[in-house]
């Protein structure tokens, strides 16, 4: 029994060192929580998707969130990375799949034998031709307001 004590102690010490060194922690770009509002011609937008797409020196994944009743929100773990982003806002017909959800779009197309859902309502200057840019920071509220016109 005395012989197993050093082995157990050694194993416990190894596990402690691994945990203290950050082993097992997720690596990747630093993200931030973000939220905001979107209006179109003064009215809260619904059935929409907002995307934050890193540009310039900002590297990391693009993120998207639903816009309902004029509001969107990203939790920190799924939010945009810190830095500069091009922002796209796209509205789809009610009850259609999110254009970023490839599996849902394929199922929609297969089931209904229809083409990919199109953006409606919002001019291209706010989606595929968007020049909207925002800075996501580590400190501050990262609260954004988008007032879209025609």
N, C-alpha and C. Protein backbone atom coordinates (compact mmCIF):
# COMPACT_ATOMS: atom_id res chain seq x y z
N UNK A 1 0.80 -1.18 0.00
CA UNK A 1 0.00 0.00 0.00
C UNK A 1 0.85 1.26 0.00
N UNK A 2 1.98 1.26 0.66
CA UNK A 2 2.89 2.40 0.67
C UNK A 2 3.43 2.71 -0.71
N UNK A 3 3.59 1.71 -1.54
CA UNK A 3 4.14 1.92 -2.87
C UNK A 3 3.19 2.72 -3.76
N UNK A 4 1.88 2.62 -3.59
CA UNK A 4 0.93 3.34 -4.44
C UNK A 4 0.80 4.81 -4.03
N UNK A 5 1.15 5.16 -2.81
CA UNK A 5 1.03 6.53 -2.35
C UNK A 5 1.85 7.50 -3.19
N UNK A 6 3.13 7.22 -3.47
CA UNK A 6 3.89 8.16 -4.31
C UNK A 6 3.29 8.28 -5.71
N UNK A 7 2.75 7.19 -6.28
CA UNK A 7 2.15 7.24 -7.61
C UNK A 7 0.90 8.12 -7.59
N UNK A 8 0.05 7.96 -6.59
CA UNK A 8 -1.15 8.78 -6.48
C UNK A 8 -0.78 10.25 -6.27
N UNK A 9 0.20 10.51 -5.43
CA UNK A 9 0.65 11.88 -5.19
C UNK A 9 1.21 12.48 -6.48
N UNK A 10 1.99 11.70 -7.21
CA UNK A 10 2.56 12.16 -8.47
C UNK A 10 1.46 12.49 -9.49
N UNK A 11 0.47 11.64 -9.58
CA UNK A 11 -0.65 11.87 -10.49
C UNK A 11 -1.42 13.13 -10.10
N UNK A 12 -1.69 13.28 -8.80
CA UNK A 12 -2.39 14.45 -8.31
C UNK A 12 -1.59 15.72 -8.59
N UNK A 13 -0.29 15.68 -8.37
CA UNK A 13 0.56 16.84 -8.64
C UNK A 13 0.56 17.18 -10.13
N UNK A 14 0.63 16.19 -11.00
CA UNK A 14 0.60 16.42 -12.46
C UNK A 14 -0.71 17.06 -12.89
N UNK A 15 -1.83 16.57 -12.37
CA UNK A 15 -3.13 17.14 -12.72
C UNK A 15 -3.25 18.57 -12.24
N UNK A 16 -2.75 18.85 -11.05
CA UNK A 16 -2.79 20.21 -10.51
C UNK A 16 -1.99 21.16 -11.38
N UNK A 17 -0.82 20.75 -11.80
CA UNK A 17 0.03 21.59 -12.66
C UNK A 17 -0.65 21.85 -13.99
N UNK A 18 -1.26 20.82 -14.58
CA UNK A 18 -1.96 21.00 -15.85
C UNK A 18 -3.12 21.99 -15.72
N UNK A 19 -3.90 21.86 -14.65
CA UNK A 19 -5.03 22.77 -14.45
C UNK A 19 -4.56 24.20 -14.22
N UNK A 20 -3.50 24.38 -13.47
CA UNK A 20 -2.99 25.72 -13.19
C UNK A 20 -2.36 26.37 -14.41
N UNK A 21 -1.86 25.56 -15.34
CA UNK A 21 -1.21 26.11 -16.53
C UNK A 21 -2.21 26.47 -17.62
N UNK A 22 -3.50 26.22 -17.38
CA UNK A 22 -4.52 26.60 -18.35
C UNK A 22 -4.84 25.50 -19.34
N UNK A 23 -4.34 24.32 -19.13
CA UNK A 23 -4.65 23.22 -20.02
C UNK A 23 -6.14 22.99 -20.04
N UNK A 24 -6.70 22.85 -21.21
CA UNK A 24 -8.12 22.61 -21.32
C UNK A 24 -8.94 23.89 -21.53
N UNK A 25 -8.31 25.05 -21.36
CA UNK A 25 -9.04 26.29 -21.60
C UNK A 25 -9.13 26.54 -23.09
N UNK A 26 -10.26 27.08 -23.50
CA UNK A 26 -10.46 27.36 -24.92
C UNK A 26 -9.52 28.45 -25.39
N UNK A 27 -8.91 28.25 -26.51
CA UNK A 27 -8.03 29.25 -27.12
C UNK A 27 -8.80 29.89 -28.26
N UNK A 28 -8.39 31.06 -28.64
CA UNK A 28 -9.04 31.72 -29.76
C UNK A 28 -9.09 33.21 -29.54
N UNK A 29 -9.71 33.91 -30.46
CA UNK A 29 -9.77 35.36 -30.36
C UNK A 29 -10.63 35.81 -29.19
N UNK A 30 -10.31 36.97 -28.64
CA UNK A 30 -11.08 37.53 -27.54
C UNK A 30 -12.38 38.10 -28.09
N UNK A 31 -13.47 37.74 -27.47
CA UNK A 31 -14.80 38.18 -27.90
C UNK A 31 -15.39 39.14 -26.87
N UNK A 32 -16.44 39.83 -27.29
CA UNK A 32 -17.12 40.74 -26.39
C UNK A 32 -18.63 40.59 -26.55
N UNK A 33 -19.35 40.86 -25.48
CA UNK A 33 -20.79 40.93 -25.57
C UNK A 33 -21.15 42.20 -26.34
N UNK A 34 -22.22 42.17 -27.07
CA UNK A 34 -22.67 43.35 -27.82
C UNK A 34 -24.19 43.30 -27.94
N UNK A 35 -24.78 44.48 -28.06
CA UNK A 35 -26.23 44.54 -28.24
C UNK A 35 -26.56 45.83 -28.95
N UNK A 36 -27.81 45.94 -29.35
CA UNK A 36 -28.21 47.16 -30.00
C UNK A 36 -29.60 47.14 -30.57
N UNK A 37 -29.87 48.19 -31.34
CA UNK A 37 -31.18 48.33 -31.96
C UNK A 37 -31.03 48.60 -33.45
N UNK A 38 -32.04 48.20 -34.19
CA UNK A 38 -32.08 48.43 -35.64
C UNK A 38 -33.47 48.92 -36.00
N UNK A 39 -33.52 50.07 -36.66
CA UNK A 39 -34.79 50.58 -37.16
C UNK A 39 -34.67 50.78 -38.66
N UNK A 40 -35.79 50.64 -39.34
CA UNK A 40 -35.87 50.91 -40.77
C UNK A 40 -36.97 51.93 -40.97
N UNK A 41 -36.59 53.09 -41.48
CA UNK A 41 -37.52 54.21 -41.66
C UNK A 41 -38.24 54.53 -40.35
N UNK A 42 -37.50 54.46 -39.25
CA UNK A 42 -38.03 54.81 -37.94
C UNK A 42 -38.79 53.71 -37.23
N UNK A 43 -39.00 52.57 -37.88
CA UNK A 43 -39.75 51.46 -37.28
C UNK A 43 -38.80 50.35 -36.85
N UNK A 44 -39.02 49.73 -35.68
CA UNK A 44 -38.18 48.61 -35.25
C UNK A 44 -38.21 47.48 -36.28
N UNK A 45 -37.07 46.94 -36.58
CA UNK A 45 -36.95 45.88 -37.58
C UNK A 45 -37.14 44.52 -36.93
N UNK A 46 -37.83 43.61 -37.62
CA UNK A 46 -37.99 42.22 -37.17
C UNK A 46 -37.68 41.30 -38.34
N UNK A 47 -37.59 40.01 -38.05
CA UNK A 47 -37.26 39.01 -39.07
C UNK A 47 -36.00 39.39 -39.82
N UNK A 48 -34.96 39.74 -39.07
CA UNK A 48 -33.71 40.18 -39.69
C UNK A 48 -32.52 39.48 -39.04
N UNK A 49 -31.40 39.60 -39.70
CA UNK A 49 -30.13 39.07 -39.23
C UNK A 49 -29.12 40.19 -39.29
N UNK A 50 -28.31 40.33 -38.24
CA UNK A 50 -27.21 41.29 -38.25
C UNK A 50 -25.92 40.50 -38.17
N UNK A 51 -24.94 40.90 -38.98
CA UNK A 51 -23.64 40.23 -39.01
C UNK A 51 -22.53 41.23 -38.70
N UNK A 52 -21.60 40.81 -37.87
CA UNK A 52 -20.37 41.57 -37.62
C UNK A 52 -19.25 40.78 -38.29
N UNK A 53 -18.63 41.40 -39.30
CA UNK A 53 -17.62 40.72 -40.10
C UNK A 53 -16.28 41.43 -39.90
N UNK A 54 -15.29 40.75 -39.30
CA UNK A 54 -14.00 41.39 -39.04
C UNK A 54 -13.35 41.90 -40.34
N UNK A 55 -12.76 43.11 -40.26
CA UNK A 55 -12.07 43.68 -41.41
C UNK A 55 -10.73 44.27 -40.97
N UNK A 56 -9.88 44.56 -41.94
CA UNK A 56 -8.59 45.18 -41.65
C UNK A 56 -7.72 44.28 -40.79
N UNK A 57 -7.20 44.85 -39.71
CA UNK A 57 -6.32 44.12 -38.79
C UNK A 57 -7.07 43.20 -37.84
N UNK A 58 -8.38 43.22 -37.89
CA UNK A 58 -9.19 42.37 -37.01
C UNK A 58 -9.34 40.99 -37.65
N UNK A 59 -9.00 39.97 -36.87
CA UNK A 59 -9.08 38.61 -37.38
C UNK A 59 -9.97 37.77 -36.46
N UNK A 60 -10.72 36.88 -37.06
CA UNK A 60 -11.60 36.01 -36.29
C UNK A 60 -12.84 35.71 -37.09
N UNK A 61 -13.73 34.95 -36.50
CA UNK A 61 -14.94 34.57 -37.23
C UNK A 61 -15.95 35.70 -37.30
N UNK A 62 -16.77 35.67 -38.35
CA UNK A 62 -17.92 36.58 -38.38
C UNK A 62 -18.96 35.99 -37.44
N UNK A 63 -19.83 36.85 -36.92
CA UNK A 63 -20.91 36.38 -36.06
C UNK A 63 -22.21 36.98 -36.54
N UNK A 64 -23.30 36.29 -36.27
CA UNK A 64 -24.60 36.81 -36.65
C UNK A 64 -25.58 36.57 -35.51
N UNK A 65 -26.59 37.44 -35.47
CA UNK A 65 -27.64 37.32 -34.46
C UNK A 65 -28.96 37.72 -35.10
N UNK A 66 -30.03 37.24 -34.54
CA UNK A 66 -31.37 37.61 -35.00
C UNK A 66 -31.71 39.00 -34.49
N UNK A 67 -32.47 39.72 -35.31
CA UNK A 67 -33.02 41.01 -34.91
C UNK A 67 -34.52 40.83 -34.82
N UNK A 68 -35.08 41.02 -33.65
CA UNK A 68 -36.52 40.90 -33.42
C UNK A 68 -36.98 42.12 -32.65
N UNK A 69 -38.08 42.69 -33.06
CA UNK A 69 -38.64 43.89 -32.42
C UNK A 69 -37.60 44.99 -32.30
N UNK A 70 -36.71 45.06 -33.28
CA UNK A 70 -35.71 46.11 -33.33
C UNK A 70 -34.49 45.89 -32.45
N UNK A 71 -34.35 44.73 -31.82
CA UNK A 71 -33.23 44.50 -30.91
C UNK A 71 -32.43 43.26 -31.29
N UNK A 72 -31.12 43.32 -30.99
CA UNK A 72 -30.25 42.16 -31.14
C UNK A 72 -29.32 42.11 -29.95
N UNK A 73 -28.77 40.91 -29.69
CA UNK A 73 -27.84 40.76 -28.58
C UNK A 73 -26.92 39.58 -28.84
N UNK A 74 -25.64 39.78 -28.52
CA UNK A 74 -24.63 38.73 -28.58
C UNK A 74 -24.11 38.50 -27.17
N UNK A 75 -24.16 37.27 -26.66
CA UNK A 75 -23.49 36.99 -25.39
C UNK A 75 -21.98 36.99 -25.64
N UNK A 76 -21.19 37.20 -24.60
CA UNK A 76 -19.74 37.30 -24.75
C UNK A 76 -19.14 36.07 -25.45
N UNK A 77 -19.57 34.87 -25.07
CA UNK A 77 -18.96 33.66 -25.62
C UNK A 77 -19.22 33.50 -27.12
N UNK A 78 -20.26 34.16 -27.65
CA UNK A 78 -20.60 34.06 -29.08
C UNK A 78 -20.59 35.43 -29.75
N UNK A 79 -20.03 36.41 -29.08
CA UNK A 79 -20.03 37.77 -29.61
C UNK A 79 -18.93 38.03 -30.61
N UNK A 80 -18.91 39.24 -31.14
CA UNK A 80 -17.87 39.60 -32.11
C UNK A 80 -16.50 39.69 -31.43
N UNK A 81 -15.44 39.45 -32.21
CA UNK A 81 -14.09 39.60 -31.70
C UNK A 81 -13.79 41.09 -31.54
N UNK A 82 -12.80 41.40 -30.72
CA UNK A 82 -12.42 42.80 -30.52
C UNK A 82 -11.83 43.35 -31.81
N UNK A 83 -12.20 44.59 -32.15
CA UNK A 83 -11.64 45.23 -33.35
C UNK A 83 -12.72 45.83 -34.23
N UNK A 84 -12.33 46.08 -35.49
CA UNK A 84 -13.20 46.75 -36.45
C UNK A 84 -13.99 45.72 -37.28
N UNK A 85 -15.26 46.03 -37.47
CA UNK A 85 -16.15 45.12 -38.20
C UNK A 85 -16.97 45.87 -39.24
N UNK A 86 -17.18 45.22 -40.37
CA UNK A 86 -18.18 45.68 -41.33
C UNK A 86 -19.48 45.05 -40.87
N UNK A 87 -20.55 45.82 -40.86
CA UNK A 87 -21.83 45.33 -40.35
C UNK A 87 -22.80 45.19 -41.51
N UNK A 88 -23.42 44.02 -41.60
CA UNK A 88 -24.45 43.76 -42.60
C UNK A 88 -25.76 43.49 -41.87
N UNK A 89 -26.83 44.05 -42.40
CA UNK A 89 -28.15 43.80 -41.84
C UNK A 89 -29.04 43.35 -42.98
N UNK A 90 -29.65 42.19 -42.79
CA UNK A 90 -30.46 41.59 -43.85
C UNK A 90 -31.78 41.14 -43.26
N UNK A 91 -32.85 41.44 -43.94
CA UNK A 91 -34.17 41.01 -43.51
C UNK A 91 -34.67 39.96 -44.48
N UNK A 92 -35.31 38.95 -43.94
CA UNK A 92 -35.87 37.90 -44.78
C UNK A 92 -37.37 37.84 -44.57
N UNK A 93 -38.04 37.20 -45.50
CA UNK A 93 -39.47 37.02 -45.36
C UNK A 93 -39.75 36.25 -44.07
N UNK A 94 -40.86 36.54 -43.44
CA UNK A 94 -41.22 35.85 -42.20
C UNK A 94 -41.29 34.35 -42.44
N UNK A 95 -40.91 33.58 -41.44
CA UNK A 95 -40.98 32.12 -41.43
C UNK A 95 -40.00 31.45 -42.39
N UNK A 96 -39.00 32.17 -42.87
CA UNK A 96 -37.97 31.56 -43.70
C UNK A 96 -36.73 31.33 -42.84
N UNK A 97 -35.88 30.39 -43.24
CA UNK A 97 -34.69 30.12 -42.44
C UNK A 97 -33.68 31.26 -42.49
N UNK A 98 -32.90 31.36 -41.43
CA UNK A 98 -31.80 32.33 -41.36
C UNK A 98 -30.85 32.00 -42.51
N UNK A 99 -30.48 32.98 -43.35
CA UNK A 99 -29.60 32.69 -44.49
C UNK A 99 -28.22 32.17 -44.08
N UNK A 100 -27.81 32.36 -42.81
CA UNK A 100 -26.53 31.85 -42.34
C UNK A 100 -26.60 30.39 -41.90
N UNK A 101 -27.80 29.85 -41.77
CA UNK A 101 -27.98 28.46 -41.34
C UNK A 101 -28.10 27.58 -42.58
N UNK A 102 -26.94 27.12 -43.07
CA UNK A 102 -26.89 26.39 -44.34
C UNK A 102 -27.76 25.14 -44.33
N UNK A 103 -27.79 24.42 -43.21
CA UNK A 103 -28.61 23.20 -43.13
C UNK A 103 -30.09 23.54 -43.27
N UNK A 104 -30.53 24.60 -42.58
CA UNK A 104 -31.95 24.99 -42.65
C UNK A 104 -32.32 25.46 -44.05
N UNK A 105 -31.42 26.17 -44.71
CA UNK A 105 -31.68 26.65 -46.07
C UNK A 105 -31.80 25.47 -47.02
N UNK A 106 -30.89 24.49 -46.91
CA UNK A 106 -30.96 23.30 -47.78
C UNK A 106 -32.28 22.55 -47.56
N UNK A 107 -32.67 22.39 -46.31
CA UNK A 107 -33.92 21.69 -46.01
C UNK A 107 -35.11 22.45 -46.58
N UNK A 108 -35.09 23.77 -46.45
CA UNK A 108 -36.15 24.62 -47.00
C UNK A 108 -36.24 24.45 -48.52
N UNK A 109 -35.07 24.49 -49.16
CA UNK A 109 -35.05 24.36 -50.62
C UNK A 109 -35.54 22.99 -51.06
N UNK A 110 -35.11 21.95 -50.36
CA UNK A 110 -35.48 20.59 -50.72
C UNK A 110 -36.97 20.35 -50.49
N UNK A 111 -37.46 20.76 -49.35
CA UNK A 111 -38.85 20.51 -48.99
C UNK A 111 -39.81 21.28 -49.87
N UNK A 112 -39.53 22.54 -50.09
CA UNK A 112 -40.47 23.38 -50.83
C UNK A 112 -40.07 23.59 -52.29
N UNK A 113 -38.94 23.02 -52.68
CA UNK A 113 -38.42 23.16 -54.05
C UNK A 113 -38.37 24.64 -54.45
N UNK A 114 -37.80 25.44 -53.55
CA UNK A 114 -37.66 26.87 -53.80
C UNK A 114 -36.20 27.27 -53.79
N UNK A 115 -35.95 28.43 -54.33
CA UNK A 115 -34.60 28.97 -54.33
C UNK A 115 -34.25 29.48 -52.93
N UNK A 116 -33.00 29.87 -52.76
CA UNK A 116 -32.54 30.43 -51.49
C UNK A 116 -33.37 31.68 -51.15
N UNK A 117 -33.75 31.86 -49.87
CA UNK A 117 -34.53 33.04 -49.52
C UNK A 117 -33.77 34.32 -49.83
N UNK A 118 -34.45 35.29 -50.37
CA UNK A 118 -33.84 36.57 -50.71
C UNK A 118 -34.00 37.57 -49.58
N UNK A 119 -33.10 38.53 -49.58
CA UNK A 119 -33.23 39.65 -48.67
C UNK A 119 -34.39 40.50 -49.16
N UNK A 120 -35.21 40.94 -48.24
CA UNK A 120 -36.31 41.83 -48.59
C UNK A 120 -36.27 43.05 -47.69
N UNK A 121 -36.95 44.08 -48.09
CA UNK A 121 -37.10 45.31 -47.32
C UNK A 121 -35.86 46.19 -47.28
N UNK A 122 -34.70 45.66 -46.98
CA UNK A 122 -33.53 46.48 -46.69
C UNK A 122 -32.68 46.68 -47.94
N UNK A 123 -32.36 47.93 -48.28
CA UNK A 123 -31.51 48.19 -49.45
C UNK A 123 -30.13 47.52 -49.33
N UNK A 124 -29.55 47.17 -50.48
CA UNK A 124 -28.25 46.50 -50.53
C UNK A 124 -27.15 47.29 -49.82
N UNK A 125 -27.30 48.60 -49.70
CA UNK A 125 -26.25 49.41 -49.05
C UNK A 125 -26.12 49.08 -47.56
N UNK A 126 -27.05 48.29 -47.01
CA UNK A 126 -26.96 47.86 -45.62
C UNK A 126 -26.63 46.37 -45.48
N UNK A 127 -26.58 45.64 -46.59
CA UNK A 127 -26.22 44.22 -46.50
C UNK A 127 -25.05 43.92 -47.42
N UNK A 128 -25.27 43.38 -48.59
CA UNK A 128 -24.13 42.94 -49.42
C UNK A 128 -23.19 44.08 -49.82
N UNK A 129 -23.68 45.32 -49.92
CA UNK A 129 -22.84 46.48 -50.26
C UNK A 129 -22.58 47.36 -49.04
N UNK A 130 -22.74 46.82 -47.86
CA UNK A 130 -22.68 47.62 -46.63
C UNK A 130 -21.33 48.31 -46.43
N UNK A 131 -21.42 49.57 -46.06
CA UNK A 131 -20.26 50.35 -45.65
C UNK A 131 -20.33 50.65 -44.15
N UNK A 132 -21.32 50.08 -43.47
CA UNK A 132 -21.44 50.28 -42.03
C UNK A 132 -20.25 49.65 -41.32
N UNK A 133 -19.65 50.38 -40.39
CA UNK A 133 -18.52 49.86 -39.62
C UNK A 133 -18.70 50.21 -38.15
N UNK A 134 -18.27 49.30 -37.30
CA UNK A 134 -18.31 49.53 -35.85
C UNK A 134 -17.05 48.96 -35.22
N UNK A 135 -16.67 49.57 -34.11
CA UNK A 135 -15.50 49.14 -33.34
C UNK A 135 -15.99 48.42 -32.09
N UNK A 136 -15.57 47.17 -31.90
CA UNK A 136 -15.92 46.40 -30.71
C UNK A 136 -14.72 46.47 -29.77
N UNK A 137 -14.99 46.90 -28.52
CA UNK A 137 -13.90 47.11 -27.56
C UNK A 137 -14.04 46.18 -26.36
N UNK A 138 -12.94 46.04 -25.65
CA UNK A 138 -12.94 45.19 -24.46
C UNK A 138 -13.65 45.88 -23.30
N UNK A 139 -13.53 47.20 -23.24
CA UNK A 139 -14.22 47.96 -22.21
C UNK A 139 -15.35 48.75 -22.87
N UNK A 140 -16.30 49.17 -22.10
CA UNK A 140 -17.42 49.90 -22.68
C UNK A 140 -18.61 48.98 -22.88
N UNK A 141 -19.70 49.55 -23.40
CA UNK A 141 -20.94 48.78 -23.50
C UNK A 141 -21.10 48.01 -24.79
N UNK A 142 -20.38 48.39 -25.84
CA UNK A 142 -20.58 47.75 -27.15
C UNK A 142 -22.06 47.72 -27.49
N UNK A 143 -22.69 48.87 -27.31
CA UNK A 143 -24.11 49.02 -27.64
C UNK A 143 -24.21 49.87 -28.90
N UNK A 144 -24.86 49.32 -29.93
CA UNK A 144 -24.89 49.97 -31.23
C UNK A 144 -26.33 50.28 -31.65
N UNK A 145 -26.47 51.37 -32.39
CA UNK A 145 -27.78 51.78 -32.89
C UNK A 145 -27.64 51.96 -34.41
N UNK A 146 -28.50 51.27 -35.13
CA UNK A 146 -28.51 51.38 -36.59
C UNK A 146 -29.86 51.90 -37.04
N UNK A 147 -29.87 53.09 -37.62
CA UNK A 147 -31.09 53.71 -38.12
C UNK A 147 -31.01 53.71 -39.63
N UNK A 148 -31.70 52.75 -40.24
CA UNK A 148 -31.61 52.55 -41.68
C UNK A 148 -32.69 53.34 -42.41
N UNK A 149 -32.30 53.96 -43.52
CA UNK A 149 -33.25 54.66 -44.37
C UNK A 149 -33.49 53.87 -45.62
N UNK A 150 -34.17 54.49 -46.58
CA UNK A 150 -34.45 53.77 -47.83
C UNK A 150 -33.33 53.99 -48.83
